[in-house]
């Protein structure tokens, strides 16, 4: 960044290229009878280029502006090969859409404005627009461009020295996962996904209201209520020929409450310690693209219930620190065209204990023990004849226990 005229200019550039050679093998060899072998080879190539500029200036006292522009170019080249052996040797499988080239050109321009209205009120707003052009070539070809508005309006009210209330209304545009354009198969999971060349990015309207309360020395509580409507939401949808893949549906409605509590443990007689508590309660609803009924939905990383407890103490007048993290997630059900999977666990989902030395010859040495009491994964999957509207054909129940894992790391300079 550097000064330019009456403001400050920042330039940011990113160039990334990744190539992956992957191989997956699945073997089903019963003690008697037929056997099944499956093998897949993939060599995707990803390229990403981002150039962004930001110019912040204050033409009038108390009126702050930031003009931002961004140019992005993304590409994905997929090459996949599949073959199976049912007893007579390997035979190549032809899966339509497994070799796909995807190109995206994206440009964004926005103007952000900030203003302190009174001693207790501050205002911030942003108005922008995003242009994108997506080109897909392969078994299905497509080229389409979009222009979508985005931005937000935010108001902050400092009701007192220790209490602040924030409100925000935002419209955002999501980013596509280019791998959803290509077909894939997973023999171990028993599922296949068809590629969809007609995917478009989702757009989200989000309204939230937050209360921030400071109390004591270094203690804080934040409670956030939110409501979202996601248009063109991407999920598993039925595809022609009885298959399924990722596709857009009209909308997903989401609402919830997030609670964050930070407490300085010196209040309890434990100097140098900090306790963090997190609770998230979310609810997502959509119209099932298969049955048409309104039902709950579980987005990846958005469990309907999540609780986390973390503690860290930097022992006063020593280079030592220690702590632990406990986490619990509940509700992880996945709906597919012909199956329902319920993933669960017994006991806490994540528990981590660590001890840290902050000055070992100038470096930080850290010993971590994850899943201190082990971790047990439990899963149940129900399969239906035809699709989820048919009769139950079978159930699979799995249980897997993993022991604790220890890690030792050194970081820093010496």
Protein backbone atom coordinates (compact mmCIF):
# COMPACT_ATOMS: atom_id res chain seq x y z
CA UNK A 1 0.00 0.00 0.00
CA UNK A 2 1.08 3.60 -0.53
CA UNK A 3 -0.26 7.13 -0.31
CA UNK A 4 -1.88 8.45 -3.48
CA UNK A 5 -3.39 11.92 -3.65
CA UNK A 6 -5.71 12.43 -0.71
CA UNK A 7 -5.96 8.71 0.11
CA UNK A 8 -4.20 5.36 0.35
CA UNK A 9 -3.98 2.77 -2.44
CA UNK A 10 -3.61 -0.98 -1.85
CA UNK A 11 -2.81 -3.52 -4.57
CA UNK A 12 -3.23 -7.25 -3.97
CA UNK A 13 -2.42 -10.07 -6.41
CA UNK A 14 -2.66 -13.85 -6.12
CA UNK A 15 -1.59 -16.52 -8.58
CA UNK A 16 -2.26 -20.17 -7.74
CA UNK A 17 -1.86 -23.35 -9.73
CA UNK A 18 -2.53 -26.87 -8.49
CA UNK A 19 -2.31 -30.24 -10.21
CA UNK A 20 -3.35 -33.48 -8.53
CA UNK A 21 -2.83 -37.07 -9.58
CA UNK A 22 -5.28 -39.20 -7.65
CA UNK A 23 -6.03 -42.90 -7.66
CA UNK A 24 -8.82 -44.67 -5.79
CA UNK A 25 -9.34 -48.42 -5.53
CA UNK A 26 -12.23 -50.37 -4.05
CA UNK A 27 -12.23 -54.13 -3.50
CA UNK A 28 -15.17 -56.32 -2.52
CA UNK A 29 -13.82 -59.87 -2.22
CA UNK A 30 -16.22 -62.18 -0.36
CA UNK A 31 -15.02 -65.58 0.81
CA UNK A 32 -17.20 -67.21 -1.82
CA UNK A 33 -19.05 -66.04 -4.90
CA UNK A 34 -18.55 -63.07 -7.21
CA UNK A 35 -16.05 -60.34 -6.49
CA UNK A 36 -15.99 -56.68 -7.47
CA UNK A 37 -13.05 -54.36 -8.06
CA UNK A 38 -13.27 -50.69 -8.98
CA UNK A 39 -10.52 -48.24 -9.87
CA UNK A 40 -10.61 -44.54 -10.70
CA UNK A 41 -7.81 -42.26 -11.88
CA UNK A 42 -8.06 -38.46 -11.91
CA UNK A 43 -5.69 -35.65 -12.86
CA UNK A 44 -7.46 -32.30 -12.32
CA UNK A 45 -5.63 -29.03 -12.97
CA UNK A 46 -6.70 -25.80 -11.25
CA UNK A 47 -5.59 -22.25 -12.01
CA UNK A 48 -6.59 -19.08 -10.17
CA UNK A 49 -5.58 -15.47 -10.71
CA UNK A 50 -6.86 -12.59 -8.54
CA UNK A 51 -6.01 -8.91 -8.78
CA UNK A 52 -7.62 -6.49 -6.34
CA UNK A 53 -7.19 -2.78 -5.71
CA UNK A 54 -8.56 -0.68 -2.85
CA UNK A 55 -8.45 3.08 -2.58
CA UNK A 56 -9.46 4.66 0.76
CA UNK A 57 -10.01 8.41 0.98
CA UNK A 58 -11.81 11.03 3.10
CA UNK A 59 -12.97 13.95 0.91
CA UNK A 60 -14.77 15.58 3.87
CA UNK A 61 -14.01 15.23 7.55
CA UNK A 62 -15.89 12.29 9.03
CA UNK A 63 -16.95 10.91 5.60
CA UNK A 64 -14.78 7.89 4.77
CA UNK A 65 -14.94 6.13 1.39
CA UNK A 66 -13.30 3.03 -0.03
CA UNK A 67 -13.42 2.24 -3.74
CA UNK A 68 -12.54 -1.38 -4.52
CA UNK A 69 -12.18 -3.34 -7.75
CA UNK A 70 -11.34 -6.99 -8.35
CA UNK A 71 -10.55 -9.11 -11.40
CA UNK A 72 -10.59 -12.92 -11.17
CA UNK A 73 -9.89 -15.72 -13.63
CA UNK A 74 -10.46 -19.34 -12.61
CA UNK A 75 -10.05 -22.52 -14.65
CA UNK A 76 -10.50 -26.24 -13.99
CA UNK A 77 -9.47 -29.06 -16.31
CA UNK A 78 -10.65 -32.53 -15.26
CA UNK A 79 -9.44 -35.84 -16.69
CA UNK A 80 -10.84 -38.99 -15.12
CA UNK A 81 -10.77 -42.69 -15.99
CA UNK A 82 -12.87 -45.44 -14.41
CA UNK A 83 -12.78 -49.21 -14.74
CA UNK A 84 -14.28 -52.21 -12.95
CA UNK A 85 -13.72 -55.97 -12.66
CA UNK A 86 -16.62 -58.31 -11.88
CA UNK A 87 -14.62 -61.47 -12.42
CA UNK A 88 -13.50 -61.35 -16.02
CA UNK A 89 -10.81 -58.68 -15.79
CA UNK A 90 -10.92 -54.90 -15.80
CA UNK A 91 -13.28 -53.18 -18.26
CA UNK A 92 -13.26 -49.42 -18.86
CA UNK A 93 -16.32 -47.48 -17.74
CA UNK A 94 -17.55 -44.53 -19.76
CA UNK A 95 -19.10 -41.90 -17.47
CA UNK A 96 -20.53 -38.95 -19.35
CA UNK A 97 -19.34 -35.59 -18.08
CA UNK A 98 -16.27 -36.86 -16.22
CA UNK A 99 -13.93 -34.85 -18.49
CA UNK A 100 -14.94 -31.20 -18.27
CA UNK A 101 -13.25 -27.82 -18.76
CA UNK A 102 -14.62 -24.89 -16.77
CA UNK A 103 -13.55 -21.24 -17.18
CA UNK A 104 -14.75 -18.29 -15.15
CA UNK A 105 -14.04 -14.60 -15.66
CA UNK A 106 -15.24 -12.35 -12.86
CA UNK A 107 -15.10 -8.61 -12.19
CA UNK A 108 -16.36 -6.71 -9.18
CA UNK A 109 -16.65 -3.01 -8.36
CA UNK A 110 -17.86 -1.59 -5.03
CA UNK A 111 -17.97 1.66 -3.07
CA UNK A 112 -18.06 1.62 0.73
CA UNK A 113 -19.06 4.57 2.92
CA UNK A 114 -18.54 5.01 6.69
CA UNK A 115 -19.81 7.82 8.86
CA UNK A 116 -20.04 8.53 12.60
CA UNK A 117 -23.52 10.06 12.92
CA UNK A 118 -23.49 10.95 16.62
CA UNK A 119 -21.48 10.11 19.70
CA UNK A 120 -23.37 6.80 19.98
CA UNK A 121 -24.42 6.03 16.37
CA UNK A 122 -22.24 4.99 13.42
CA UNK A 123 -23.31 4.04 9.90
CA UNK A 124 -21.66 1.97 7.19
CA UNK A 125 -22.87 0.95 3.76
CA UNK A 126 -21.51 -0.66 0.61
CA UNK A 127 -22.93 -0.82 -2.90
CA UNK A 128 -21.39 -2.99 -5.57
CA UNK A 129 -21.95 -5.18 -8.58
CA UNK A 130 -20.40 -8.42 -9.77
CA UNK A 131 -20.05 -9.56 -13.36
CA UNK A 132 -19.18 -13.16 -14.14
CA UNK A 133 -18.94 -15.25 -17.28
CA UNK A 134 -18.89 -19.04 -17.03
CA UNK A 135 -17.91 -21.28 -19.93
CA UNK A 136 -18.19 -25.07 -19.78
CA UNK A 137 -16.96 -27.49 -22.43
CA UNK A 138 -17.17 -31.26 -22.55
CA UNK A 139 -20.14 -33.57 -23.09
CA UNK A 140 -22.32 -30.55 -22.29
CA UNK A 141 -21.21 -27.08 -23.43
CA UNK A 142 -22.44 -23.75 -22.16
CA UNK A 143 -21.38 -20.13 -21.98
CA UNK A 144 -23.36 -17.63 -19.92
CA UNK A 145 -22.77 -14.31 -18.18
CA UNK A 146 -24.38 -12.73 -15.13
CA UNK A 147 -24.55 -9.32 -13.47
CA UNK A 148 -25.60 -9.36 -9.82
CA UNK A 149 -25.82 -6.54 -7.25
CA UNK A 150 -24.29 -6.92 -3.80
CA UNK A 151 -23.68 -4.78 -0.74
CA UNK A 152 -24.75 -4.10 2.82
CA UNK A 153 -26.12 -1.51 5.25
CA UNK A 154 -25.00 -1.53 8.89
CA UNK A 155 -25.92 0.59 11.91
CA UNK A 156 -24.13 0.44 15.27
CA UNK A 157 -25.54 1.92 18.48
CA UNK A 158 -23.30 2.29 21.54
CA UNK A 159 -26.06 2.37 24.12
CA UNK A 160 -23.50 2.70 26.92
CA UNK A 161 -19.79 2.26 27.52
CA UNK A 162 -20.30 -1.48 27.95
CA UNK A 163 -23.25 -2.24 25.65
CA UNK A 164 -23.40 -2.01 21.86
CA UNK A 165 -26.18 -3.08 19.48
CA UNK A 166 -25.46 -3.72 15.80
CA UNK A 167 -27.85 -4.33 12.91
CA UNK A 168 -26.89 -5.37 9.39
CA UNK A 169 -28.63 -6.18 6.12
CA UNK A 170 -26.48 -7.75 3.40
CA UNK A 171 -26.81 -9.20 -0.07
CA UNK A 172 -23.94 -11.45 -1.15
CA UNK A 173 -23.11 -13.67 -4.12
CA UNK A 174 -21.69 -17.15 -3.62
CA UNK A 175 -18.90 -18.91 -5.49
CA UNK A 176 -19.25 -22.15 -7.43
CA UNK A 177 -17.36 -25.36 -6.77
CA UNK A 178 -16.14 -26.20 -10.27
CA UNK A 179 -15.96 -29.92 -9.46
CA UNK A 180 -19.78 -29.94 -9.37
CA UNK A 181 -19.70 -29.43 -13.14
CA UNK A 182 -18.00 -32.84 -13.63
CA UNK A 183 -19.39 -36.34 -13.07
CA UNK A 184 -17.87 -38.61 -10.43
CA UNK A 185 -18.38 -42.01 -8.83
CA UNK A 186 -17.53 -43.38 -5.40
CA UNK A 187 -17.53 -47.18 -5.27
CA UNK A 188 -16.72 -47.27 -1.56
CA UNK A 189 -19.75 -45.09 -0.81
CA UNK A 190 -21.91 -46.72 -3.45
CA UNK A 191 -22.87 -43.39 -5.05
CA UNK A 192 -22.42 -41.54 -8.32
CA UNK A 193 -22.90 -37.88 -9.17
CA UNK A 194 -23.73 -36.54 -12.58
CA UNK A 195 -22.08 -33.34 -13.74
CA UNK A 196 -24.26 -30.29 -14.26
CA UNK A 197 -23.15 -27.67 -16.77
CA UNK A 198 -26.07 -25.38 -15.88
CA UNK A 199 -25.09 -24.42 -12.34
CA UNK A 200 -25.28 -20.75 -11.34
CA UNK A 201 -23.96 -19.05 -8.16
CA UNK A 202 -26.33 -18.64 -5.24
CA UNK A 203 -27.30 -15.24 -3.81
CA UNK A 204 -28.06 -14.55 -0.17
CA UNK A 205 -30.10 -11.95 1.67
CA UNK A 206 -29.03 -11.91 5.35
CA UNK A 207 -30.42 -9.80 8.18
CA UNK A 208 -28.78 -9.93 11.60
CA UNK A 209 -29.02 -8.22 14.97
CA UNK A 210 -26.16 -8.44 17.48
CA UNK A 211 -25.81 -7.45 21.11
CA UNK A 212 -22.29 -7.00 22.52
CA UNK A 213 -21.88 -6.68 26.28
CA UNK A 214 -18.57 -5.96 28.06
CA UNK A 215 -18.39 -6.69 31.77
CA UNK A 216 -15.65 -6.97 34.34
CA UNK A 217 -12.02 -7.10 33.23
CA UNK A 218 -11.71 -8.63 29.75
CA UNK A 219 -15.11 -10.36 29.83
CA UNK A 220 -17.58 -10.13 26.96
CA UNK A 221 -20.85 -11.62 25.71
CA UNK A 222 -22.09 -11.47 22.12
CA UNK A 223 -25.51 -12.71 21.03
CA UNK A 224 -26.39 -12.65 17.30
CA UNK A 225 -29.79 -13.39 15.75
CA UNK A 226 -29.92 -13.88 11.98
CA UNK A 227 -32.31 -14.74 9.18
CA UNK A 228 -31.20 -15.73 5.68
CA UNK A 229 -32.83 -16.43 2.35
CA UNK A 230 -30.52 -18.11 -0.15
CA UNK A 231 -31.72 -17.96 -3.76
CA UNK A 232 -30.57 -20.54 -6.36
CA UNK A 233 -29.29 -22.72 -3.51
CA UNK A 234 -27.07 -25.62 -4.63
CA UNK A 235 -27.86 -29.11 -3.34
CA UNK A 236 -28.34 -32.70 -4.53
CA UNK A 237 -31.12 -32.88 -7.14
CA UNK A 238 -32.57 -35.69 -9.31
CA UNK A 239 -31.22 -35.81 -12.84
CA UNK A 240 -32.60 -37.34 -16.03
CA UNK A 241 -32.14 -41.11 -16.31
CA UNK A 242 -32.58 -41.78 -12.59
CA UNK A 243 -29.29 -40.27 -11.45
CA UNK A 244 -28.48 -37.32 -9.23
CA UNK A 245 -26.01 -34.47 -9.05
CA UNK A 246 -25.59 -30.93 -7.79
CA UNK A 247 -28.14 -28.42 -9.02
CA UNK A 248 -29.90 -25.16 -8.17
CA UNK A 249 -33.25 -24.99 -6.37
CA UNK A 250 -35.34 -21.88 -5.77
CA UNK A 251 -34.36 -21.11 -2.19
CA UNK A 252 -33.26 -22.20 1.28
CA UNK A 253 -34.48 -20.39 4.40
CA UNK A 254 -32.13 -20.26 7.37
CA UNK A 255 -32.36 -18.70 10.82
CA UNK A 256 -30.56 -19.08 14.09
CA UNK A 257 -28.80 -17.69 17.12
CA UNK A 258 -25.05 -17.59 17.90
CA UNK A 259 -23.75 -16.98 21.43
CA UNK A 260 -20.11 -16.21 22.30
CA UNK A 261 -18.90 -15.75 25.89
CA UNK A 262 -15.32 -14.86 26.91
CA UNK A 263 -14.36 -14.86 30.58
CA UNK A 264 -11.07 -13.86 32.21
CA UNK A 265 -10.49 -16.66 34.74
CA UNK A 266 -8.61 -14.40 37.14
CA UNK A 267 -12.08 -13.70 38.49
CA UNK A 268 -12.10 -17.36 39.67
CA UNK A 269 -8.57 -17.18 41.07
CA UNK A 270 -6.83 -18.62 38.00
CA UNK A 271 -4.40 -15.93 36.74
CA UNK A 272 -3.41 -15.75 33.07
CA UNK A 273 -6.38 -17.82 31.90
CA UNK A 274 -9.17 -17.25 29.42
CA UNK A 275 -12.35 -19.25 28.96
CA UNK A 276 -14.34 -19.17 25.70
CA UNK A 277 -17.82 -20.64 25.28
CA UNK A 278 -19.62 -20.91 21.93
CA UNK A 279 -23.16 -22.06 21.17
CA UNK A 280 -24.81 -22.15 17.74
CA UNK A 281 -28.43 -23.12 17.13
CA UNK A 282 -29.38 -23.07 13.43
CA UNK A 283 -32.41 -24.15 11.43
CA UNK A 284 -32.39 -24.59 7.63
CA UNK A 285 -35.49 -25.40 5.58
CA UNK A 286 -35.98 -26.09 1.89
CA UNK A 287 -38.43 -27.70 -0.47
CA UNK A 288 -37.17 -31.22 -1.12
CA UNK A 289 -36.28 -31.34 -4.86
CA UNK A 290 -37.34 -35.03 -4.94
CA UNK A 291 -40.56 -35.15 -2.91
CA UNK A 292 -41.63 -31.49 -2.90
CA UNK A 293 -42.14 -31.46 0.89
CA UNK A 294 -40.63 -28.80 3.14
CA UNK A 295 -38.00 -30.38 5.41
CA UNK A 296 -34.95 -29.61 7.49
CA UNK A 297 -31.63 -29.45 5.68
CA UNK A 298 -28.06 -29.89 6.90
CA UNK A 299 -25.42 -27.81 5.14
CA UNK A 300 -21.79 -28.91 5.40
CA UNK A 301 -20.28 -27.17 8.42
CA UNK A 302 -23.70 -25.90 9.54
CA UNK A 303 -24.84 -28.45 12.10
CA UNK A 304 -28.13 -27.40 13.72
CA UNK A 305 -26.46 -27.60 17.14
CA UNK A 306 -22.83 -26.86 17.98
CA UNK A 307 -21.22 -26.20 21.35
CA UNK A 308 -17.55 -25.48 22.05
CA UNK A 309 -15.67 -25.00 25.32
CA UNK A 310 -12.04 -23.84 25.20
CA UNK A 311 -9.64 -22.85 27.95
CA UNK A 312 -6.07 -21.54 27.82
CA UNK A 313 -3.78 -20.44 30.63
CA UNK A 314 -0.48 -18.66 30.11
CA UNK A 315 1.14 -19.46 33.44
CA UNK A 316 2.37 -16.12 34.89
CA UNK A 317 6.15 -15.52 35.02
CA UNK A 318 6.88 -18.75 33.08
CA UNK A 319 7.17 -19.65 29.36
CA UNK A 320 4.51 -22.34 29.81
CA UNK A 321 0.92 -22.46 28.66
CA UNK A 322 -1.68 -25.20 28.64
CA UNK A 323 -5.30 -25.65 27.72
CA UNK A 324 -8.06 -27.82 26.33
CA UNK A 325 -10.86 -27.67 23.77
CA UNK A 326 -14.12 -29.63 23.92
CA UNK A 327 -16.66 -29.58 21.11
CA UNK A 328 -20.04 -31.17 20.48
CA UNK A 329 -22.00 -31.17 17.22
CA UNK A 330 -25.45 -32.66 16.76
CA UNK A 331 -27.67 -33.35 13.80
CA UNK A 332 -25.91 -34.46 10.61
CA UNK A 333 -28.39 -36.07 8.21
CA UNK A 334 -27.70 -36.32 4.47
CA UNK A 335 -30.51 -36.89 1.96
CA UNK A 336 -29.67 -38.44 -1.41
CA UNK A 337 -31.92 -39.61 -4.24
CA UNK A 338 -32.26 -43.18 -2.94
CA UNK A 339 -30.84 -43.03 0.59
CA UNK A 340 -30.78 -41.19 3.91
CA UNK A 341 -27.62 -41.17 6.02
CA UNK A 342 -27.50 -40.26 9.69
CA UNK A 343 -23.95 -39.57 10.91
CA UNK A 344 -23.54 -39.39 14.66
CA UNK A 345 -21.02 -40.06 17.41
CA UNK A 346 -20.94 -41.15 21.01
CA UNK A 347 -19.53 -38.73 23.53
CA UNK A 348 -17.80 -35.46 22.65
CA UNK A 349 -16.95 -35.04 18.98
CA UNK A 350 -13.65 -33.25 19.56
CA UNK A 351 -11.45 -32.96 22.62
CA UNK A 352 -7.94 -31.58 22.53
CA UNK A 353 -5.41 -31.10 25.32
CA UNK A 354 -2.18 -29.16 24.78
CA UNK A 355 0.95 -28.02 26.58
CA UNK A 356 3.09 -25.23 25.09
CA UNK A 357 6.57 -23.86 25.75
CA UNK A 358 6.78 -20.37 24.22
CA UNK A 359 10.56 -19.92 24.24
CA UNK A 360 12.47 -23.09 23.43
CA UNK A 361 15.66 -21.63 21.89
CA UNK A 362 13.49 -18.89 20.44
CA UNK A 363 10.85 -21.26 19.10
CA UNK A 364 7.42 -22.37 20.28
CA UNK A 365 7.17 -26.08 21.18
CA UNK A 366 3.66 -27.51 21.42
CA UNK A 367 2.46 -30.98 22.39
CA UNK A 368 -1.15 -31.75 21.47
CA UNK A 369 -3.22 -34.82 22.32
CA UNK A 370 -6.39 -35.07 20.24
CA UNK A 371 -9.35 -37.31 21.09
CA UNK A 372 -7.86 -37.95 24.50
CA UNK A 373 -10.51 -40.56 25.34
CA UNK A 374 -10.84 -41.86 21.80
CA UNK A 375 -13.57 -41.08 19.27
CA UNK A 376 -16.43 -43.35 18.25
CA UNK A 377 -18.22 -42.67 14.96
CA UNK A 378 -21.67 -44.15 14.44
CA UNK A 379 -23.50 -44.12 11.13
CA UNK A 380 -26.78 -45.46 9.81
CA UNK A 381 -27.82 -45.44 6.17
CA UNK A 382 -31.22 -46.39 4.82
CA UNK A 383 -31.54 -47.38 1.16
CA UNK A 384 -34.81 -47.24 -0.79
CA UNK A 385 -36.02 -49.10 -3.85
CA UNK A 386 -35.92 -46.62 -6.73
CA UNK A 387 -35.82 -43.42 -4.69
CA UNK A 388 -36.81 -42.08 -1.28
CA UNK A 389 -40.45 -42.37 -2.26
CA UNK A 390 -40.16 -46.16 -2.48
CA UNK A 391 -39.97 -49.00 -0.01
CA UNK A 392 -36.96 -49.50 2.28
CA UNK A 393 -34.62 -51.99 0.60
CA UNK A 394 -31.86 -52.28 3.22
CA UNK A 395 -30.09 -50.59 6.12
CA UNK A 396 -26.41 -50.27 6.85
CA UNK A 397 -25.13 -49.63 10.38
CA UNK A 398 -21.48 -48.81 11.02
CA UNK A 399 -19.45 -48.09 14.14
CA UNK A 400 -15.78 -47.07 14.11
CA UNK A 401 -13.56 -46.24 17.06
CA UNK A 402 -10.37 -44.19 16.70
CA UNK A 403 -7.76 -43.90 19.49
CA UNK A 404 -6.09 -40.71 20.64
CA UNK A 405 -3.52 -38.94 18.45
CA UNK A 406 -0.45 -37.04 19.70
CA UNK A 407 1.34 -34.28 17.78
CA UNK A 408 4.54 -32.40 18.58
CA UNK A 409 5.33 -29.20 16.67
CA UNK A 410 8.09 -26.57 16.62
CA UNK A 411 7.54 -23.15 15.08
CA UNK A 412 9.37 -19.85 14.93
CA UNK A 413 12.98 -18.86 14.31
CA UNK A 414 16.22 -19.62 16.12
